[in-house]
C-alpha cells in the first residue's frame, strides 16, 4: 500500500524557499511551484518512512523560513 502526503504553502518568492531546501529533499520530495507558493508531494510504502520525510521537510522549511523571511513562527 502506498501512503501519500501533500503540503501546500502559499508564500511570496516560492523559488527562493524551494532553492534553500532543494538539496535536503532531493529524491524524497517532489515539488511544484505555482503562482503564489509551492506544493510538496511525498510517498512511501512504509508509513514510518513517510512520517520521517514529512518531519524532515517541515524542519527544513522552518529553518529556511526563519533565514529568508524572519522568525514568522514566533512573532507576538
N, C-alpha and C. Protein backbone atom coordinates (compact mmCIF):
# COMPACT_ATOMS: atom_id res chain seq x y z
N UNK A 1 0.85 -1.18 0.00
CA UNK A 1 0.00 0.00 0.00
C UNK A 1 0.89 1.24 0.00
N UNK A 2 0.61 2.15 -0.90
CA UNK A 2 1.38 3.38 -0.99
C UNK A 2 0.70 4.47 -0.15
N UNK A 3 1.46 5.05 0.75
CA UNK A 3 0.98 6.17 1.56
C UNK A 3 1.47 7.46 0.92
N UNK A 4 0.62 8.48 0.92
CA UNK A 4 0.96 9.75 0.28
C UNK A 4 0.71 10.91 1.22
N UNK A 5 1.49 11.98 1.03
CA UNK A 5 1.29 13.22 1.78
C UNK A 5 1.53 14.39 0.84
N UNK A 6 0.74 15.44 1.01
CA UNK A 6 0.91 16.68 0.25
C UNK A 6 0.90 17.85 1.22
N UNK A 7 1.78 18.79 0.98
CA UNK A 7 1.83 20.02 1.76
C UNK A 7 1.84 21.16 0.76
N UNK A 8 0.94 22.11 0.95
CA UNK A 8 0.85 23.26 0.06
C UNK A 8 1.09 24.52 0.88
N UNK A 9 2.03 25.35 0.43
CA UNK A 9 2.38 26.57 1.13
C UNK A 9 2.18 27.75 0.19
N UNK A 10 1.43 28.73 0.62
CA UNK A 10 1.28 29.95 -0.15
C UNK A 10 2.21 31.00 0.43
N UNK A 11 3.11 31.51 -0.42
CA UNK A 11 4.13 32.44 0.06
C UNK A 11 4.71 33.24 -1.10
N UNK A 12 5.18 34.44 -0.80
CA UNK A 12 5.89 35.24 -1.80
C UNK A 12 7.26 34.62 -2.04
N UNK A 13 7.77 34.77 -3.22
CA UNK A 13 9.10 34.26 -3.60
C UNK A 13 9.27 32.76 -3.35
N UNK A 14 8.38 31.93 -3.88
CA UNK A 14 8.50 30.50 -3.64
C UNK A 14 9.79 29.90 -4.20
N UNK A 15 10.34 30.50 -5.25
CA UNK A 15 11.57 29.99 -5.84
C UNK A 15 12.72 30.04 -4.83
N UNK A 16 12.79 31.12 -4.07
CA UNK A 16 13.86 31.29 -3.08
C UNK A 16 13.75 30.23 -1.99
N UNK A 17 12.55 29.98 -1.51
CA UNK A 17 12.34 28.99 -0.47
C UNK A 17 12.67 27.58 -0.99
N UNK A 18 12.21 27.26 -2.19
CA UNK A 18 12.47 25.95 -2.76
C UNK A 18 13.96 25.72 -2.96
N UNK A 19 14.65 26.72 -3.44
CA UNK A 19 16.10 26.59 -3.66
C UNK A 19 16.84 26.32 -2.35
N UNK A 20 16.36 26.90 -1.26
CA UNK A 20 17.05 26.75 0.02
C UNK A 20 16.92 25.35 0.62
N UNK A 21 15.90 24.60 0.23
CA UNK A 21 15.71 23.25 0.81
C UNK A 21 15.87 22.14 -0.22
N UNK A 22 16.16 22.50 -1.44
CA UNK A 22 16.21 21.56 -2.55
C UNK A 22 17.20 20.40 -2.33
N UNK A 23 18.39 20.68 -1.85
CA UNK A 23 19.40 19.64 -1.66
C UNK A 23 18.96 18.66 -0.57
N UNK A 24 18.39 19.18 0.51
CA UNK A 24 17.94 18.35 1.64
C UNK A 24 16.91 17.31 1.21
N UNK A 25 16.06 17.67 0.26
CA UNK A 25 14.92 16.81 -0.08
C UNK A 25 15.01 16.14 -1.44
N UNK A 26 16.12 16.29 -2.11
CA UNK A 26 16.27 15.72 -3.45
C UNK A 26 16.07 14.20 -3.41
N UNK A 27 15.19 13.72 -4.25
CA UNK A 27 14.94 12.28 -4.33
C UNK A 27 13.85 11.78 -3.39
N UNK A 28 13.47 12.59 -2.41
CA UNK A 28 12.47 12.17 -1.44
C UNK A 28 11.15 12.93 -1.59
N UNK A 29 11.25 14.17 -2.07
CA UNK A 29 10.08 15.05 -2.12
C UNK A 29 9.97 15.64 -3.52
N UNK A 30 8.81 15.51 -4.12
CA UNK A 30 8.53 16.19 -5.40
C UNK A 30 7.97 17.56 -5.07
N UNK A 31 8.39 18.56 -5.82
CA UNK A 31 7.89 19.91 -5.56
C UNK A 31 7.46 20.58 -6.85
N UNK A 32 6.42 21.38 -6.74
CA UNK A 32 5.90 22.14 -7.87
C UNK A 32 5.63 23.57 -7.42
N UNK A 33 6.17 24.51 -8.16
CA UNK A 33 5.90 25.92 -7.86
C UNK A 33 4.64 26.31 -8.60
N UNK A 34 3.75 26.98 -7.90
CA UNK A 34 2.57 27.55 -8.54
C UNK A 34 2.59 29.05 -8.30
N UNK A 35 1.60 29.76 -8.77
CA UNK A 35 1.61 31.22 -8.78
C UNK A 35 2.08 31.84 -7.46
N UNK A 36 1.50 31.44 -6.34
CA UNK A 36 1.82 32.06 -5.06
C UNK A 36 2.38 31.08 -4.04
N UNK A 37 3.06 30.04 -4.48
CA UNK A 37 3.59 29.12 -3.49
C UNK A 37 4.19 27.85 -4.06
N UNK A 38 4.29 26.86 -3.18
CA UNK A 38 4.89 25.58 -3.52
C UNK A 38 3.99 24.45 -3.00
N UNK A 39 3.93 23.39 -3.78
CA UNK A 39 3.25 22.18 -3.33
C UNK A 39 4.28 21.06 -3.28
N UNK A 40 4.33 20.36 -2.16
CA UNK A 40 5.25 19.25 -1.96
C UNK A 40 4.45 17.96 -1.93
N UNK A 41 4.98 16.92 -2.59
CA UNK A 41 4.34 15.61 -2.61
C UNK A 41 5.35 14.55 -2.21
N UNK A 42 4.92 13.65 -1.34
CA UNK A 42 5.77 12.57 -0.87
C UNK A 42 4.98 11.28 -0.88
N UNK A 43 5.67 10.17 -1.08
CA UNK A 43 5.00 8.87 -1.00
C UNK A 43 5.98 7.80 -0.54
N UNK A 44 5.45 6.78 0.11
CA UNK A 44 6.26 5.67 0.59
C UNK A 44 5.36 4.48 0.88
N UNK A 45 5.91 3.30 0.75
CA UNK A 45 5.18 2.09 1.13
C UNK A 45 5.17 1.91 2.64
N UNK A 46 6.09 2.56 3.32
CA UNK A 46 6.23 2.45 4.77
C UNK A 46 5.76 3.75 5.42
N UNK A 47 4.74 3.67 6.27
CA UNK A 47 4.17 4.86 6.90
C UNK A 47 5.19 5.60 7.76
N UNK A 48 6.03 4.86 8.49
CA UNK A 48 7.05 5.50 9.33
C UNK A 48 8.04 6.29 8.47
N UNK A 49 8.41 5.75 7.35
CA UNK A 49 9.33 6.43 6.43
C UNK A 49 8.70 7.71 5.90
N UNK A 50 7.43 7.64 5.54
CA UNK A 50 6.72 8.84 5.07
C UNK A 50 6.67 9.88 6.17
N UNK A 51 6.37 9.46 7.38
CA UNK A 51 6.30 10.37 8.53
C UNK A 51 7.64 11.08 8.72
N UNK A 52 8.74 10.34 8.63
CA UNK A 52 10.07 10.94 8.79
C UNK A 52 10.37 11.93 7.68
N UNK A 53 9.96 11.62 6.46
CA UNK A 53 10.18 12.52 5.34
C UNK A 53 9.41 13.82 5.54
N UNK A 54 8.15 13.71 5.96
CA UNK A 54 7.34 14.91 6.23
C UNK A 54 7.99 15.73 7.35
N UNK A 55 8.42 15.06 8.41
CA UNK A 55 9.07 15.75 9.53
C UNK A 55 10.35 16.46 9.08
N UNK A 56 11.17 15.79 8.29
CA UNK A 56 12.39 16.41 7.77
C UNK A 56 12.07 17.64 6.91
N UNK A 57 11.06 17.53 6.06
CA UNK A 57 10.67 18.65 5.21
C UNK A 57 10.22 19.83 6.07
N UNK A 58 9.38 19.56 7.06
CA UNK A 58 8.88 20.65 7.92
C UNK A 58 10.01 21.33 8.69
N UNK A 59 10.98 20.56 9.15
CA UNK A 59 12.13 21.15 9.85
C UNK A 59 12.96 22.02 8.91
N UNK A 60 13.20 21.53 7.70
CA UNK A 60 13.95 22.31 6.71
C UNK A 60 13.20 23.58 6.35
N UNK A 61 11.89 23.47 6.20
CA UNK A 61 11.08 24.66 5.90
C UNK A 61 11.13 25.68 7.03
N UNK A 62 11.05 25.22 8.27
CA UNK A 62 11.09 26.15 9.40
C UNK A 62 12.41 26.92 9.42
N UNK A 63 13.51 26.23 9.24
CA UNK A 63 14.82 26.89 9.25
C UNK A 63 14.93 27.87 8.09
N UNK A 64 14.51 27.45 6.90
CA UNK A 64 14.57 28.33 5.73
C UNK A 64 13.68 29.55 5.89
N UNK A 65 12.48 29.35 6.43
CA UNK A 65 11.58 30.48 6.68
C UNK A 65 12.24 31.50 7.58
N UNK A 66 12.87 31.03 8.65
CA UNK A 66 13.49 31.95 9.62
C UNK A 66 14.64 32.71 8.97
N UNK A 67 15.40 32.07 8.11
CA UNK A 67 16.53 32.74 7.45
C UNK A 67 16.03 33.73 6.40
N UNK A 68 15.08 33.32 5.58
CA UNK A 68 14.63 34.15 4.46
C UNK A 68 13.63 35.23 4.88
N UNK A 69 12.65 34.86 5.70
CA UNK A 69 11.54 35.76 5.99
C UNK A 69 11.54 36.29 7.42
N UNK A 70 12.46 35.86 8.24
CA UNK A 70 12.45 36.25 9.65
C UNK A 70 11.72 35.20 10.47
N UNK A 71 11.69 35.39 11.74
CA UNK A 71 11.09 34.41 12.66
C UNK A 71 9.57 34.57 12.69
N UNK A 72 8.92 34.18 11.59
CA UNK A 72 7.46 34.35 11.48
C UNK A 72 6.69 33.39 12.36
N UNK A 73 7.32 32.35 12.87
CA UNK A 73 6.64 31.37 13.71
C UNK A 73 6.46 31.82 15.14
N UNK A 74 7.28 32.75 15.57
CA UNK A 74 7.25 33.14 16.97
C UNK A 74 6.94 34.61 17.18
N UNK A 75 6.40 35.28 16.17
CA UNK A 75 6.04 36.69 16.32
C UNK A 75 4.85 36.82 17.26
N UNK A 76 4.87 37.84 18.06
CA UNK A 76 3.78 38.09 19.02
C UNK A 76 2.82 39.09 18.44
